[in-house]
């Protein structure tokens, strides 16, 4: 059995949910495209079609993406009559998750906070797929038996026990925060390596014969 390093978000979600999906119907996307010209990035369309109703998209303390029926377009105005067209696609805490209103497969996101007096826009170095990984790690930590290994000795022991090779774990040093998701098919163990400012910060481990998908 293999040890899978650096999984993309969709491969990791497929393993976590044992191939189960439950998302928004395709006709809802088509209806919003026809009536309101709501065009979604390719990866967001796929995520919502496969996992929109599942627990990974329902944690109250994590990013959540909304149904296309309630997605809205907004023009953010700044500087000397500059305008940035945005599409509000989700929420995290007091911020709206937005993307540029353009045809992009996996765009970086902007966080927007709207108050009675102004709208504040914060750039992010997270793409949509990076947010999906953040959401999955948050869900993993809700499961019984999840381990946060920020002690080097514990981390090394768990890495060895599950066959993970630290030399194969990849990251983008240009990102403020990043997760590398790995999975041991033999021990049925997920591992997420968290990088902050390009430096390895800690590991998360979750072992289970069948992962909880009803949180």
C-alpha atoms as a PDB file:
ATOM      1  CA  UNK A   1       0.000   0.000   0.000  1.00  0.00           C
ATOM      2  CA  UNK A   2       1.173   3.472  -0.845  1.00  0.00           C
ATOM      3  CA  UNK A   3       1.884   6.583   1.126  1.00  0.00           C
ATOM      4  CA  UNK A   4       0.380   9.519  -0.743  1.00  0.00           C
ATOM      5  CA  UNK A   5       2.231  12.802  -0.307  1.00  0.00           C
ATOM      6  CA  UNK A   6       1.050  16.317  -1.237  1.00  0.00           C
ATOM      7  CA  UNK A   7      -2.525  15.451  -2.136  1.00  0.00           C
ATOM      8  CA  UNK A   8      -4.618  18.057  -3.856  1.00  0.00           C
ATOM      9  CA  UNK A   9      -7.750  19.165  -2.014  1.00  0.00           C
ATOM     10  CA  UNK A  10     -10.181  17.072  -4.060  1.00  0.00           C
ATOM     11  CA  UNK A  11      -8.197  13.837  -3.757  1.00  0.00           C
ATOM     12  CA  UNK A  12      -7.973  14.381   0.016  1.00  0.00           C
ATOM     13  CA  UNK A  13     -11.719  15.068   0.274  1.00  0.00           C
ATOM     14  CA  UNK A  14     -12.500  11.934  -1.728  1.00  0.00           C
ATOM     15  CA  UNK A  15     -10.457   9.825   0.698  1.00  0.00           C
ATOM     16  CA  UNK A  16     -11.905  11.531   3.772  1.00  0.00           C
ATOM     17  CA  UNK A  17     -15.510  11.024   2.677  1.00  0.00           C
ATOM     18  CA  UNK A  18     -14.930   7.537   1.242  1.00  0.00           C
ATOM     19  CA  UNK A  19     -16.076   8.785  -2.150  1.00  0.00           C
ATOM     20  CA  UNK A  20     -19.416  10.137  -0.904  1.00  0.00           C
ATOM     21  CA  UNK A  21     -20.666  13.469  -2.246  1.00  0.00           C
ATOM     22  CA  UNK A  22     -23.635  15.719  -1.509  1.00  0.00           C
ATOM     23  CA  UNK A  23     -23.662  19.101  -3.185  1.00  0.00           C
ATOM     24  CA  UNK A  24     -25.773  21.720  -4.915  1.00  0.00           C
ATOM     25  CA  UNK A  25     -27.639  20.511  -8.029  1.00  0.00           C
ATOM     26  CA  UNK A  26     -26.139  21.358 -11.390  1.00  0.00           C
ATOM     27  CA  UNK A  27     -29.386  22.998 -12.466  1.00  0.00           C
ATOM     28  CA  UNK A  28     -28.948  25.613  -9.703  1.00  0.00           C
ATOM     29  CA  UNK A  29     -25.664  26.723 -11.232  1.00  0.00           C
ATOM     30  CA  UNK A  30     -27.187  26.803 -14.691  1.00  0.00           C
ATOM     31  CA  UNK A  31     -30.195  28.825 -13.504  1.00  0.00           C
ATOM     32  CA  UNK A  32     -27.982  31.456 -11.871  1.00  0.00           C
ATOM     33  CA  UNK A  33     -25.803  31.653 -14.949  1.00  0.00           C
ATOM     34  CA  UNK A  34     -28.862  32.297 -17.149  1.00  0.00           C
ATOM     35  CA  UNK A  35     -30.743  34.702 -14.897  1.00  0.00           C
ATOM     36  CA  UNK A  36     -27.943  36.574 -13.090  1.00  0.00           C
ATOM     37  CA  UNK A  37     -24.781  35.786 -15.076  1.00  0.00           C
ATOM     38  CA  UNK A  38     -23.132  34.260 -11.995  1.00  0.00           C
ATOM     39  CA  UNK A  39     -19.968  32.622 -13.314  1.00  0.00           C
ATOM     40  CA  UNK A  40     -18.000  30.568 -10.787  1.00  0.00           C
ATOM     41  CA  UNK A  41     -14.332  29.613 -10.869  1.00  0.00           C
ATOM     42  CA  UNK A  42     -13.959  26.020 -12.012  1.00  0.00           C
ATOM     43  CA  UNK A  43     -12.721  24.668  -8.674  1.00  0.00           C
ATOM     44  CA  UNK A  44     -15.486  26.390  -6.681  1.00  0.00           C
ATOM     45  CA  UNK A  45     -18.150  25.032  -9.020  1.00  0.00           C
ATOM     46  CA  UNK A  46     -16.763  21.533  -8.487  1.00  0.00           C
ATOM     47  CA  UNK A  47     -16.443  21.909  -4.707  1.00  0.00           C
ATOM     48  CA  UNK A  48     -20.018  23.122  -4.301  1.00  0.00           C
ATOM     49  CA  UNK A  49     -21.386  20.498  -6.704  1.00  0.00           C
ATOM     50  CA  UNK A  50     -19.670  17.702  -4.757  1.00  0.00           C
ATOM     51  CA  UNK A  51     -19.453  18.966  -1.149  1.00  0.00           C
ATOM     52  CA  UNK A  52     -21.745  21.993  -0.772  1.00  0.00           C
ATOM     53  CA  UNK A  53     -24.040  20.264   1.733  1.00  0.00           C
ATOM     54  CA  UNK A  54     -21.364  18.243   3.538  1.00  0.00           C
ATOM     55  CA  UNK A  55     -19.735  18.893   6.878  1.00  0.00           C
ATOM     56  CA  UNK A  56     -16.558  20.377   5.388  1.00  0.00           C
ATOM     57  CA  UNK A  57     -18.670  23.327   4.209  1.00  0.00           C
ATOM     58  CA  UNK A  58     -20.797  23.666   7.355  1.00  0.00           C
ATOM     59  CA  UNK A  59     -18.387  24.344  10.242  1.00  0.00           C
ATOM     60  CA  UNK A  60     -19.387  27.596  11.908  1.00  0.00           C
ATOM     61  CA  UNK A  61     -15.816  28.538  12.857  1.00  0.00           C
ATOM     62  CA  UNK A  62     -14.287  27.889   9.430  1.00  0.00           C
ATOM     63  CA  UNK A  63     -14.669  29.322   5.912  1.00  0.00           C
ATOM     64  CA  UNK A  64     -17.983  28.412   4.307  1.00  0.00           C
ATOM     65  CA  UNK A  65     -19.140  28.840   0.740  1.00  0.00           C
ATOM     66  CA  UNK A  66     -22.712  29.826  -0.031  1.00  0.00           C
ATOM     67  CA  UNK A  67     -25.335  28.668  -2.509  1.00  0.00           C
ATOM     68  CA  UNK A  68     -25.191  30.435  -5.891  1.00  0.00           C
ATOM     69  CA  UNK A  69     -28.720  31.726  -5.266  1.00  0.00           C
ATOM     70  CA  UNK A  70     -27.343  34.108  -2.631  1.00  0.00           C
ATOM     71  CA  UNK A  71     -24.020  34.975  -4.235  1.00  0.00           C
ATOM     72  CA  UNK A  72     -23.929  38.651  -5.163  1.00  0.00           C
ATOM     73  CA  UNK A  73     -21.781  40.898  -7.306  1.00  0.00           C
ATOM     74  CA  UNK A  74     -20.270  44.012  -5.779  1.00  0.00           C
ATOM     75  CA  UNK A  75     -18.103  46.837  -7.084  1.00  0.00           C
ATOM     76  CA  UNK A  76     -15.353  47.785  -4.641  1.00  0.00           C
ATOM     77  CA  UNK A  77     -14.301  51.393  -5.183  1.00  0.00           C
ATOM     78  CA  UNK A  78     -10.906  52.662  -4.098  1.00  0.00           C
ATOM     79  CA  UNK A  79      -8.285  55.282  -4.856  1.00  0.00           C
ATOM     80  CA  UNK A  80      -8.981  57.800  -7.587  1.00  0.00           C
ATOM     81  CA  UNK A  81     -12.199  56.379  -9.050  1.00  0.00           C
ATOM     82  CA  UNK A  82     -10.749  52.872  -9.286  1.00  0.00           C
ATOM     83  CA  UNK A  83     -13.186  49.963  -9.354  1.00  0.00           C
ATOM     84  CA  UNK A  84     -12.728  46.258  -8.664  1.00  0.00           C
ATOM     85  CA  UNK A  85     -15.606  43.923  -9.616  1.00  0.00           C
ATOM     86  CA  UNK A  86     -16.042  41.178  -7.030  1.00  0.00           C
ATOM     87  CA  UNK A  87     -18.281  38.176  -6.478  1.00  0.00           C
ATOM     88  CA  UNK A  88     -19.221  37.326  -2.881  1.00  0.00           C
ATOM     89  CA  UNK A  89     -18.971  33.526  -2.634  1.00  0.00           C
ATOM     90  CA  UNK A  90     -18.727  32.741   1.078  1.00  0.00           C
ATOM     91  CA  UNK A  91     -18.121  33.858   4.640  1.00  0.00           C
ATOM     92  CA  UNK A  92     -15.550  33.424   7.385  1.00  0.00           C
ATOM     93  CA  UNK A  93     -16.201  35.083  10.724  1.00  0.00           C
ATOM     94  CA  UNK A  94     -17.154  38.709  10.123  1.00  0.00           C
ATOM     95  CA  UNK A  95     -15.677  38.727   6.612  1.00  0.00           C
ATOM     96  CA  UNK A  96     -17.171  37.920   3.230  1.00  0.00           C
ATOM     97  CA  UNK A  97     -15.074  35.695   0.953  1.00  0.00           C
ATOM     98  CA  UNK A  98     -14.865  37.268  -2.488  1.00  0.00           C
ATOM     99  CA  UNK A  99     -13.165  36.601  -5.812  1.00  0.00           C
ATOM    100  CA  UNK A 100     -12.641  38.851  -8.784  1.00  0.00           C
ATOM    101  CA  UNK A 101     -15.621  38.680 -11.089  1.00  0.00           C
ATOM    102  CA  UNK A 102     -13.744  37.002 -13.899  1.00  0.00           C
ATOM    103  CA  UNK A 103     -13.286  33.626 -15.552  1.00  0.00           C
ATOM    104  CA  UNK A 104     -10.457  32.128 -13.508  1.00  0.00           C
ATOM    105  CA  UNK A 105     -10.008  28.468 -12.596  1.00  0.00           C
ATOM    106  CA  UNK A 106      -8.550  28.921  -9.096  1.00  0.00           C
ATOM    107  CA  UNK A 107      -8.275  32.595  -8.157  1.00  0.00           C
ATOM    108  CA  UNK A 108      -6.854  34.066  -5.006  1.00  0.00           C
ATOM    109  CA  UNK A 109      -9.493  35.319  -2.624  1.00  0.00           C
ATOM    110  CA  UNK A 110     -10.161  38.696  -1.039  1.00  0.00           C
ATOM    111  CA  UNK A 111     -11.732  39.117   2.396  1.00  0.00           C
ATOM    112  CA  UNK A 112     -14.233  41.953   2.641  1.00  0.00           C
ATOM    113  CA  UNK A 113     -15.703  43.446   5.805  1.00  0.00           C
ATOM    114  CA  UNK A 114     -18.755  45.616   5.304  1.00  0.00           C
ATOM    115  CA  UNK A 115     -19.721  48.179   7.938  1.00  0.00           C
ATOM    116  CA  UNK A 116     -22.406  50.903   7.809  1.00  0.00           C
ATOM    117  CA  UNK A 117     -19.735  53.459   6.897  1.00  0.00           C
ATOM    118  CA  UNK A 118     -17.344  51.596   4.619  1.00  0.00           C
ATOM    119  CA  UNK A 119     -16.241  48.365   2.986  1.00  0.00           C
ATOM    120  CA  UNK A 120     -12.769  47.119   3.877  1.00  0.00           C
ATOM    121  CA  UNK A 121     -10.984  44.782   1.461  1.00  0.00           C
ATOM    122  CA  UNK A 122      -8.062  42.591   2.552  1.00  0.00           C
ATOM    123  CA  UNK A 123      -5.962  40.703  -0.010  1.00  0.00           C
ATOM    124  CA  UNK A 124      -5.049  37.102   0.698  1.00  0.00           C
ATOM    125  CA  UNK A 125      -2.425  34.747  -0.660  1.00  0.00           C
ATOM    126  CA  UNK A 126      -4.890  31.848  -0.359  1.00  0.00           C
ATOM    127  CA  UNK A 127      -6.408  30.461  -3.527  1.00  0.00           C
ATOM    128  CA  UNK A 128      -9.765  28.727  -3.363  1.00  0.00           C
ATOM    129  CA  UNK A 129      -8.136  25.292  -3.294  1.00  0.00           C
ATOM    130  CA  UNK A 130      -5.910  26.368  -0.406  1.00  0.00           C
ATOM    131  CA  UNK A 131      -9.056  27.367   1.496  1.00  0.00           C
ATOM    132  CA  UNK A 132     -10.528  23.921   0.813  1.00  0.00           C
ATOM    133  CA  UNK A 133      -7.457  22.409   2.503  1.00  0.00           C
ATOM    134  CA  UNK A 134      -7.850  24.779   5.467  1.00  0.00           C
ATOM    135  CA  UNK A 135     -11.465  23.663   5.777  1.00  0.00           C
ATOM    136  CA  UNK A 136     -10.570  19.971   5.633  1.00  0.00           C
ATOM    137  CA  UNK A 137      -7.868  20.317   8.296  1.00  0.00           C
ATOM    138  CA  UNK A 138     -10.389  22.107  10.513  1.00  0.00           C
ATOM    139  CA  UNK A 139     -12.820  19.229  10.051  1.00  0.00           C
ATOM    140  CA  UNK A 140     -10.125  16.653  10.776  1.00  0.00           C
ATOM    141  CA  UNK A 141      -9.418  18.325  14.104  1.00  0.00           C
ATOM    142  CA  UNK A 142     -13.085  17.890  15.073  1.00  0.00           C
ATOM    143  CA  UNK A 143     -12.719  14.108  14.938  1.00  0.00           C
ATOM    144  CA  UNK A 144     -12.004  12.018  18.021  1.00  0.00           C
ATOM    145  CA  UNK A 145      -8.382  10.919  18.131  1.00  0.00           C
ATOM    146  CA  UNK A 146      -6.988  13.823  16.143  1.00  0.00           C
ATOM    147  CA  UNK A 147      -3.473  14.776  17.259  1.00  0.00           C
ATOM    148  CA  UNK A 148      -1.700  18.120  16.947  1.00  0.00           C
ATOM    149  CA  UNK A 149       2.013  17.312  16.944  1.00  0.00           C
ATOM    150  CA  UNK A 150       3.977  20.480  17.617  1.00  0.00           C
ATOM    151  CA  UNK A 151       6.471  18.552  19.742  1.00  0.00           C
ATOM    152  CA  UNK A 152       9.349  17.410  17.474  1.00  0.00           C
ATOM    153  CA  UNK A 153       9.772  14.019  19.129  1.00  0.00           C
ATOM    154  CA  UNK A 154       6.070  13.187  18.849  1.00  0.00           C
ATOM    155  CA  UNK A 155       5.981  14.402  15.258  1.00  0.00           C
ATOM    156  CA  UNK A 156       8.981  12.297  14.234  1.00  0.00           C
ATOM    157  CA  UNK A 157       7.517   9.187  15.894  1.00  0.00           C
ATOM    158  CA  UNK A 158       4.136   9.557  14.183  1.00  0.00           C
ATOM    159  CA  UNK A 159       5.736  10.304  10.822  1.00  0.00           C
ATOM    160  CA  UNK A 160       7.837   7.122  11.055  1.00  0.00           C
ATOM    161  CA  UNK A 161       4.975   4.953  12.307  1.00  0.00           C
ATOM    162  CA  UNK A 162       2.884   5.924   9.298  1.00  0.00           C
ATOM    163  CA  UNK A 163       5.620   5.889   6.673  1.00  0.00           C
ATOM    164  CA  UNK A 164       5.560   9.587   5.825  1.00  0.00           C
ATOM    165  CA  UNK A 165       8.769  10.929   4.294  1.00  0.00           C
ATOM    166  CA  UNK A 166       9.442  14.509   5.381  1.00  0.00           C
ATOM    167  CA  UNK A 167      11.743  14.962   2.399  1.00  0.00           C
ATOM    168  CA  UNK A 168       8.770  14.439   0.063  1.00  0.00           C
ATOM    169  CA  UNK A 169       6.532  17.039   1.712  1.00  0.00           C
ATOM    170  CA  UNK A 170       6.317  20.079  -0.554  1.00  0.00           C
ATOM    171  CA  UNK A 171       5.349  23.669   0.129  1.00  0.00           C
ATOM    172  CA  UNK A 172       5.315  27.075  -1.524  1.00  0.00           C
ATOM    173  CA  UNK A 173       7.605  29.379   0.492  1.00  0.00           C
ATOM    174  CA  UNK A 174       5.832  32.387  -0.988  1.00  0.00           C
ATOM    175  CA  UNK A 175       2.602  31.673   0.878  1.00  0.00           C
ATOM    176  CA  UNK A 176       1.939  33.008   4.374  1.00  0.00           C
ATOM    177  CA  UNK A 177       0.255  29.744   5.380  1.00  0.00           C
ATOM    178  CA  UNK A 178      -0.001  26.439   3.596  1.00  0.00           C
ATOM    179  CA  UNK A 179      -0.951  22.846   4.327  1.00  0.00           C
ATOM    180  CA  UNK A 180       0.511  19.780   2.670  1.00  0.00           C
ATOM    181  CA  UNK A 181      -1.961  16.892   2.937  1.00  0.00           C
ATOM    182  CA  UNK A 182      -0.671  13.319   2.984  1.00  0.00           C
ATOM    183  CA  UNK A 183      -2.313   9.923   3.532  1.00  0.00           C
ATOM    184  CA  UNK A 184      -1.028   6.468   4.490  1.00  0.00           C
ATOM    185  CA  UNK A 185      -3.162   3.792   2.843  1.00  0.00           C
ATOM    186  CA  UNK A 186      -1.727   1.122   5.149  1.00  0.00           C
ATOM    187  CA  UNK A 187      -2.500   2.791   8.481  1.00  0.00           C
ATOM    188  CA  UNK A 188      -5.487   4.814   7.192  1.00  0.00           C
ATOM    189  CA  UNK A 189      -3.882   7.963   8.581  1.00  0.00           C
ATOM    190  CA  UNK A 190      -4.103  11.517   7.345  1.00  0.00           C
ATOM    191  CA  UNK A 191      -1.247  13.902   8.006  1.00  0.00           C
ATOM    192  CA  UNK A 192      -1.299  17.638   7.408  1.00  0.00           C
ATOM    193  CA  UNK A 193       1.968  19.554   7.588  1.00  0.00           C
ATOM    194  CA  UNK A 194       1.423  23.235   8.333  1.00  0.00           C
ATOM    195  CA  UNK A 195       3.874  25.782   6.949  1.00  0.00           C
ATOM    196  CA  UNK A 196       3.964  29.402   8.107  1.00  0.00           C
ATOM    197  CA  UNK A 197       6.041  31.916   6.148  1.00  0.00           C
ATOM    198  CA  UNK A 198       7.688  28.976   4.395  1.00  0.00           C
ATOM    199  CA  UNK A 199       8.776  27.313   7.655  1.00  0.00           C
ATOM    200  CA  UNK A 200       7.400  23.996   8.947  1.00  0.00           C
ATOM    201  CA  UNK A 201       5.316  24.837  12.015  1.00  0.00           C
ATOM    202  CA  UNK A 202       3.513  21.654  13.136  1.00  0.00           C
ATOM    203  CA  UNK A 203       1.784  18.466  12.051  1.00  0.00           C
ATOM    204  CA  UNK A 204      -1.773  17.183  12.374  1.00  0.00           C
ATOM    205  CA  UNK A 205      -2.622  13.481  12.385  1.00  0.00           C
ATOM    206  CA  UNK A 206      -5.940  11.671  12.138  1.00  0.00           C
ATOM    207  CA  UNK A 207      -6.296   7.890  12.013  1.00  0.00           C
ATOM    208  CA  UNK A 208      -9.579   6.084  11.470  1.00  0.00           C
ATOM    209  CA  UNK A 209     -10.991   3.124   9.594  1.00  0.00           C
ATOM    210  CA  UNK A 210     -13.869   5.330   8.496  1.00  0.00           C
ATOM    211  CA  UNK A 211     -13.669   9.064   8.919  1.00  0.00           C
ATOM    212  CA  UNK A 212     -16.524  10.919  10.525  1.00  0.00           C
ATOM    213  CA  UNK A 213     -18.577  12.656   7.846  1.00  0.00           C
ATOM    214  CA  UNK A 214     -21.669  13.655   9.748  1.00  0.00           C
ATOM    215  CA  UNK A 215     -20.372  16.458  11.961  1.00  0.00           C
END
